[in-house]
Amino acid sequence: MAAVNKYPWVRNLFGRTKPYTFMGLVQAGDTQEIKMGEICEYNGTATYFSPVDAVADRCYSLAIAAEEQKAGAASRYMKFFGILPGDVWEFELASAAQVSIGYALELTASNSQKLTYDADGDAVAFAIDNGNYPEKGTTLTSISYVQCVFNTQFSYIMQIGFQQNQRKVMAKTAAYTITPEDNGAIITNKGATGSVTLTGPSGTVPVGFNFHMAVMADQAFVFDPKPDTASVYVAGAAQTAGKYISVTDIADFVELVWDGTDWLAIASISGADGDISVET
């Protein structure tokens, strides 16, 4: 089935009343026609948008055509819908199914306006509507169209425009007390000529506050947990409350997260010395 002009945006779960649009480069229409409502991928090598034509196009960033590129049109910038958090879209299913909330969906190779069940863990979208749920009993109605939200890690506008995956990177060459504003930061000792100590936030931070400490100079890089009642869970044990830990070799790192009581090392690596030093 050839693509047709559609308006696939349904609503936004967070209250926005219309989709976000931006301008994206496309080929001449004689080379590539595009219909409104086609799921498109941005080819970073060729630097233009074109309709998806393979499941593997999830490796590119996605947007949805907001207007038509006709056969005779020249290469130009045209409108695309940016995929934002909470946006609900409606697309046809490659095969009718008893769809439940959270039903995983992937691109199809046959049609840029269809989605299909994803069985291998690389879903680009998830069903969100419950209109096919029964009033009585437990049997879901089979549906041919699905309302879904996209995983925004595949969104062009989130990846390029909002740069959601970029993180604050800070180099510290002297003692530094971590602040609540440093949540998610990668903190290094790049340029340090001696030991550098990071002190845990002096104020209250929420559960889930996290940061990376990464060695980029062959000097001791120390974390002093706060409050003094907090332990660091690392190196095979919950360390004594209030005791520091340190790493020394370039590319050593520790990712720490606050659970409301202690600092948990959810990832770590140490290099030439083969260990993470812990205060006795």
Protein backbone atom coordinates (compact mmCIF):
# COMPACT_ATOMS: atom_id res chain seq x y z
CA MET A 1 0.00 0.00 0.00
CA ALA A 2 1.39 3.38 -1.01
CA ALA A 3 1.58 6.12 1.59
CA VAL A 4 -1.31 8.59 1.77
CA ASN A 5 -1.69 11.97 3.44
CA LYS A 6 -2.70 11.57 7.09
CA TYR A 7 -2.66 13.61 10.28
CA PRO A 8 -1.43 11.07 12.86
CA TRP A 9 -1.11 13.32 15.94
CA VAL A 10 -3.91 12.63 18.44
CA ARG A 11 -3.13 14.50 21.66
CA ASN A 12 -0.45 15.10 24.25
CA LEU A 13 -0.65 13.44 27.65
CA PHE A 14 0.73 16.57 29.32
CA GLY A 15 -1.77 19.01 27.88
CA ARG A 16 -0.21 20.50 24.75
CA THR A 17 -2.95 21.21 22.22
CA LYS A 18 -0.95 20.81 19.00
CA PRO A 19 2.20 19.04 17.82
CA TYR A 20 5.57 20.73 17.61
CA THR A 21 6.80 21.38 14.05
CA PHE A 22 10.23 22.15 12.63
CA MET A 23 11.82 22.46 9.20
CA GLY A 24 13.82 19.55 7.76
CA LEU A 25 15.68 19.08 4.47
CA VAL A 26 14.25 16.65 1.89
CA GLN A 27 15.27 15.51 -1.58
CA ALA A 28 13.61 16.65 -4.78
CA GLY A 29 10.18 15.11 -5.18
CA ASP A 30 11.21 13.35 -8.40
CA THR A 31 13.71 11.43 -6.28
CA GLN A 32 11.60 11.01 -3.16
CA GLU A 33 7.94 11.84 -2.71
CA ILE A 34 6.79 12.15 0.90
CA LYS A 35 3.22 12.08 2.16
CA MET A 36 2.05 13.91 5.28
CA GLY A 37 2.02 11.41 8.14
CA GLU A 38 4.91 9.23 6.97
CA ILE A 39 7.44 8.22 9.61
CA CYS A 40 10.75 9.54 8.32
CA GLU A 41 14.36 8.95 9.28
CA TYR A 42 17.13 11.51 9.14
CA ASN A 43 20.03 10.11 7.16
CA GLY A 44 22.98 11.73 8.89
CA THR A 45 25.33 10.88 6.02
CA ALA A 46 23.16 12.31 3.27
CA THR A 47 21.76 15.04 5.58
CA TYR A 48 18.12 14.77 4.51
CA PHE A 49 14.88 13.14 5.67
CA SER A 50 13.26 10.23 3.83
CA PRO A 51 10.49 7.74 4.70
CA VAL A 52 11.56 4.73 6.72
CA ASP A 53 11.80 1.54 4.68
CA ALA A 54 13.36 -0.93 7.10
CA VAL A 55 12.98 -2.04 10.71
CA ALA A 56 16.67 -1.18 11.13
CA ASP A 57 15.96 2.49 10.38
CA ARG A 58 15.55 2.87 14.13
CA CYS A 59 19.34 3.39 14.05
CA TYR A 60 18.56 6.87 12.69
CA SER A 61 16.58 9.60 14.41
CA LEU A 62 12.91 9.84 13.52
CA ALA A 63 10.35 12.53 12.72
CA ILE A 64 6.92 12.51 11.07
CA ALA A 65 6.16 14.42 7.88
CA ALA A 66 3.85 17.37 8.54
CA GLU A 67 3.25 18.18 4.87
CA GLU A 68 3.56 16.60 1.43
CA GLN A 69 6.60 16.63 -0.85
CA LYS A 70 5.09 16.23 -4.32
CA ALA A 71 6.72 14.58 -7.30
CA GLY A 72 7.62 17.79 -9.09
CA ALA A 73 8.85 19.72 -6.04
CA ALA A 74 12.50 20.76 -5.72
CA SER A 75 14.75 19.78 -2.84
CA ARG A 76 13.80 22.04 0.05
CA TYR A 77 13.08 22.39 3.73
CA MET A 78 9.60 21.22 4.66
CA LYS A 79 7.64 20.85 7.88
CA PHE A 80 8.03 17.84 10.15
CA PHE A 81 6.34 16.94 13.40
CA GLY A 82 8.87 16.62 16.19
CA ILE A 83 8.30 13.64 18.49
CA LEU A 84 8.11 14.99 22.04
CA PRO A 85 7.40 13.36 25.42
CA GLY A 86 3.71 12.64 25.88
CA ASP A 87 2.79 12.93 22.20
CA VAL A 88 0.19 10.32 21.23
CA TRP A 89 0.12 9.20 17.57
CA GLU A 90 -2.18 6.87 15.66
CA PHE A 91 -0.79 4.44 13.10
CA GLU A 92 -2.08 1.37 11.33
CA LEU A 93 -0.84 -2.02 12.47
CA ALA A 94 0.77 -4.32 9.94
CA SER A 95 -1.50 -7.04 11.33
CA ALA A 96 -4.57 -6.62 13.51
CA ALA A 97 -3.88 -7.66 17.09
CA GLN A 98 -5.23 -7.73 20.65
CA VAL A 99 -3.17 -4.75 21.74
CA SER A 100 -2.64 -3.98 25.42
CA ILE A 101 -1.15 -0.90 27.03
CA GLY A 102 2.63 -1.14 26.73
CA TYR A 103 2.42 -3.31 23.60
CA ALA A 104 5.83 -2.87 21.94
CA LEU A 105 5.93 -1.64 18.35
CA GLU A 106 8.65 -1.45 15.71
CA LEU A 107 8.97 0.04 12.24
CA THR A 108 8.02 -1.99 9.19
CA ALA A 109 9.91 -2.51 5.95
CA SER A 110 6.80 -2.44 3.80
CA ASN A 111 5.06 0.80 4.77
CA SER A 112 6.20 3.99 6.46
CA GLN A 113 2.74 4.53 7.96
CA LYS A 114 2.46 1.18 9.73
CA LEU A 115 3.89 -0.30 12.90
CA THR A 116 4.19 -3.95 13.85
CA TYR A 117 4.59 -5.99 17.02
CA ASP A 118 8.16 -5.94 18.31
CA ALA A 119 9.46 -9.21 19.67
CA ASP A 120 13.19 -8.52 19.89
CA GLY A 121 13.44 -5.66 22.36
CA ASP A 122 14.10 -2.79 19.91
CA ALA A 123 10.71 -1.10 20.03
CA VAL A 124 10.42 2.48 18.84
CA ALA A 125 6.92 3.00 20.26
CA PHE A 126 4.46 1.62 22.82
CA ALA A 127 0.68 1.36 22.77
CA ILE A 128 -1.02 3.78 25.15
CA ASP A 129 -4.75 3.58 24.38
CA ASN A 130 -7.20 1.30 26.17
CA GLY A 131 -10.17 1.79 23.86
CA ASN A 132 -10.15 -1.91 22.97
CA TYR A 133 -10.38 -3.06 26.61
CA PRO A 134 -13.63 -4.89 27.45
CA GLU A 135 -16.22 -3.54 29.86
CA LYS A 136 -16.61 -7.09 31.14
CA GLY A 137 -14.38 -10.11 31.00
CA THR A 138 -10.72 -10.34 30.05
CA THR A 139 -10.72 -10.61 26.26
CA LEU A 140 -9.24 -7.63 24.42
CA THR A 141 -10.76 -6.58 21.12
CA SER A 142 -8.50 -7.01 18.11
CA ILE A 143 -7.66 -3.63 16.52
CA SER A 144 -6.14 -2.51 13.23
CA TYR A 145 -5.02 0.96 14.36
CA VAL A 146 -3.07 1.76 17.49
CA GLN A 147 -2.52 4.91 19.52
CA CYS A 148 1.03 5.00 20.79
CA VAL A 149 3.83 7.07 22.26
CA PHE A 150 7.32 6.93 20.77
CA ASN A 151 10.46 6.29 22.76
CA THR A 152 12.02 9.76 22.55
CA GLN A 153 15.54 8.34 22.31
CA PHE A 154 14.64 7.82 18.62
CA SER A 155 13.31 11.37 18.18
CA TYR A 156 15.26 13.71 15.89
CA ILE A 157 14.13 16.86 17.66
CA MET A 158 14.95 15.44 21.09
CA GLN A 159 18.36 14.21 19.97
CA ILE A 160 19.34 17.24 17.90
CA GLY A 161 17.13 20.12 18.97
CA PHE A 162 16.82 19.46 22.69
CA GLN A 163 20.01 17.38 22.99
CA GLN A 164 18.47 15.33 25.77
CA ASN A 165 21.38 12.93 26.12
CA GLN A 166 24.05 15.56 26.63
CA ARG A 167 25.38 15.73 30.16
CA LYS A 168 27.19 18.39 32.13
CA VAL A 169 30.93 17.66 32.24
CA MET A 170 33.05 19.43 34.87
CA ALA A 171 36.80 19.23 35.45
CA LYS A 172 37.90 19.87 39.05
CA THR A 173 41.54 20.44 39.96
CA ALA A 174 40.88 21.42 43.58
CA ALA A 175 38.49 20.32 46.34
CA TYR A 176 34.84 20.70 45.39
CA THR A 177 31.53 20.23 47.18
CA ILE A 178 28.87 18.72 44.91
CA THR A 179 25.65 20.76 44.66
CA PRO A 180 22.07 19.70 43.88
CA GLU A 181 22.48 21.33 40.46
CA ASP A 182 25.18 18.74 39.63
CA ASN A 183 22.65 15.93 39.29
CA GLY A 184 23.68 13.68 36.39
CA ALA A 185 27.04 15.39 35.93
CA ILE A 186 30.27 13.72 34.90
CA ILE A 187 32.93 15.17 37.19
CA THR A 188 36.59 14.62 36.27
CA ASN A 189 39.99 15.61 37.66
CA LYS A 190 41.34 16.48 34.21
CA GLY A 191 44.33 18.82 34.57
CA ALA A 192 44.87 18.06 38.27
CA THR A 193 48.46 17.89 39.51
CA GLY A 194 47.58 16.47 42.91
CA SER A 195 44.81 14.77 44.85
CA VAL A 196 41.28 16.16 44.40
CA THR A 197 38.43 15.51 46.86
CA LEU A 198 34.76 15.66 45.95
CA THR A 199 32.52 16.15 48.99
CA GLY A 200 28.95 14.90 48.87
CA PRO A 201 26.14 17.48 48.69
CA SER A 202 25.86 19.41 51.92
CA GLY A 203 22.10 19.89 51.51
CA THR A 204 19.34 17.37 51.04
CA VAL A 205 19.18 15.83 47.58
CA PRO A 206 16.33 13.65 46.29
CA VAL A 207 16.47 9.88 46.01
CA GLY A 208 17.98 9.10 42.60
CA PHE A 209 20.46 12.01 42.61
CA ASN A 210 23.51 10.70 40.77
CA PHE A 211 26.85 11.64 39.30
CA HIS A 212 29.96 10.08 37.74
CA MET A 213 33.46 10.68 39.04
CA ALA A 214 35.97 9.84 36.31
CA VAL A 215 39.77 9.97 36.53
CA MET A 216 41.39 11.91 33.69
CA ALA A 217 44.71 12.67 35.47
CA ASP A 218 46.85 10.06 37.23
CA GLN A 219 46.10 11.51 40.65
CA ALA A 220 43.94 10.35 43.54
CA PHE A 221 40.32 11.30 42.92
CA VAL A 222 38.46 11.07 46.24
CA PHE A 223 34.79 11.02 47.22
CA ASP A 224 33.92 12.00 50.78
CA PRO A 225 30.29 10.95 51.40
CA LYS A 226 27.85 13.21 53.20
CA PRO A 227 26.13 13.04 55.56
CA ASP A 228 28.69 11.32 57.76
CA THR A 229 26.09 8.62 58.48
CA ALA A 230 26.10 7.59 54.82
CA SER A 231 28.04 4.58 53.58
CA VAL A 232 29.42 4.03 50.10
CA TYR A 233 28.41 0.66 48.69
CA VAL A 234 31.41 -0.30 46.53
CA ALA A 235 34.28 -2.78 46.22
CA GLY A 236 32.19 -5.69 47.40
CA ALA A 237 30.82 -4.20 50.61
CA ALA A 238 28.95 -1.41 52.36
CA GLN A 239 31.89 0.63 53.59
CA THR A 240 32.07 2.22 57.03
CA ALA A 241 29.76 5.25 57.28
CA GLY A 242 31.45 8.52 56.43
CA LYS A 243 34.62 6.94 55.03
CA TYR A 244 35.95 8.12 51.67
CA ILE A 245 36.73 6.13 48.57
CA SER A 246 39.21 6.98 45.81
CA VAL A 247 40.32 5.95 42.32
CA THR A 248 43.63 6.87 40.72
CA ASP A 249 44.28 5.76 37.13
CA ILE A 250 43.07 7.47 33.96
CA ALA A 251 39.72 5.97 32.86
CA ASP A 252 38.88 4.71 36.36
CA PHE A 253 35.35 5.76 37.22
CA VAL A 254 32.56 5.32 39.76
CA GLU A 255 28.89 6.12 39.16
CA LEU A 256 27.17 6.93 42.46
CA VAL A 257 23.47 7.28 43.21
CA TRP A 258 21.82 8.45 46.44
CA ASP A 259 19.10 6.12 47.77
CA GLY A 260 18.02 8.38 50.61
CA THR A 261 20.41 6.83 53.11
CA ASP A 262 23.63 5.79 51.38
CA TRP A 263 25.66 6.24 48.20
CA LEU A 264 25.39 3.22 45.88
CA ALA A 265 28.06 2.55 43.26
CA ILE A 266 25.90 1.18 40.47
CA ALA A 267 28.86 1.06 38.07
CA SER A 268 32.62 1.25 38.55
CA ILE A 269 35.90 0.26 37.00
CA SER A 270 39.49 0.52 38.19
CA GLY A 271 42.54 0.08 36.00
CA ALA A 272 46.25 -0.45 36.63
CA ASP A 273 45.97 -0.69 40.42
CA GLY A 274 43.18 -3.22 40.12
CA ASP A 275 41.13 -1.83 42.99
CA ILE A 276 39.20 1.07 44.47
CA SER A 277 40.83 2.46 47.58
CA VAL A 278 38.67 2.70 50.70
CA GLU A 279 39.50 4.70 53.82
CA THR A 280 40.19 2.47 56.84
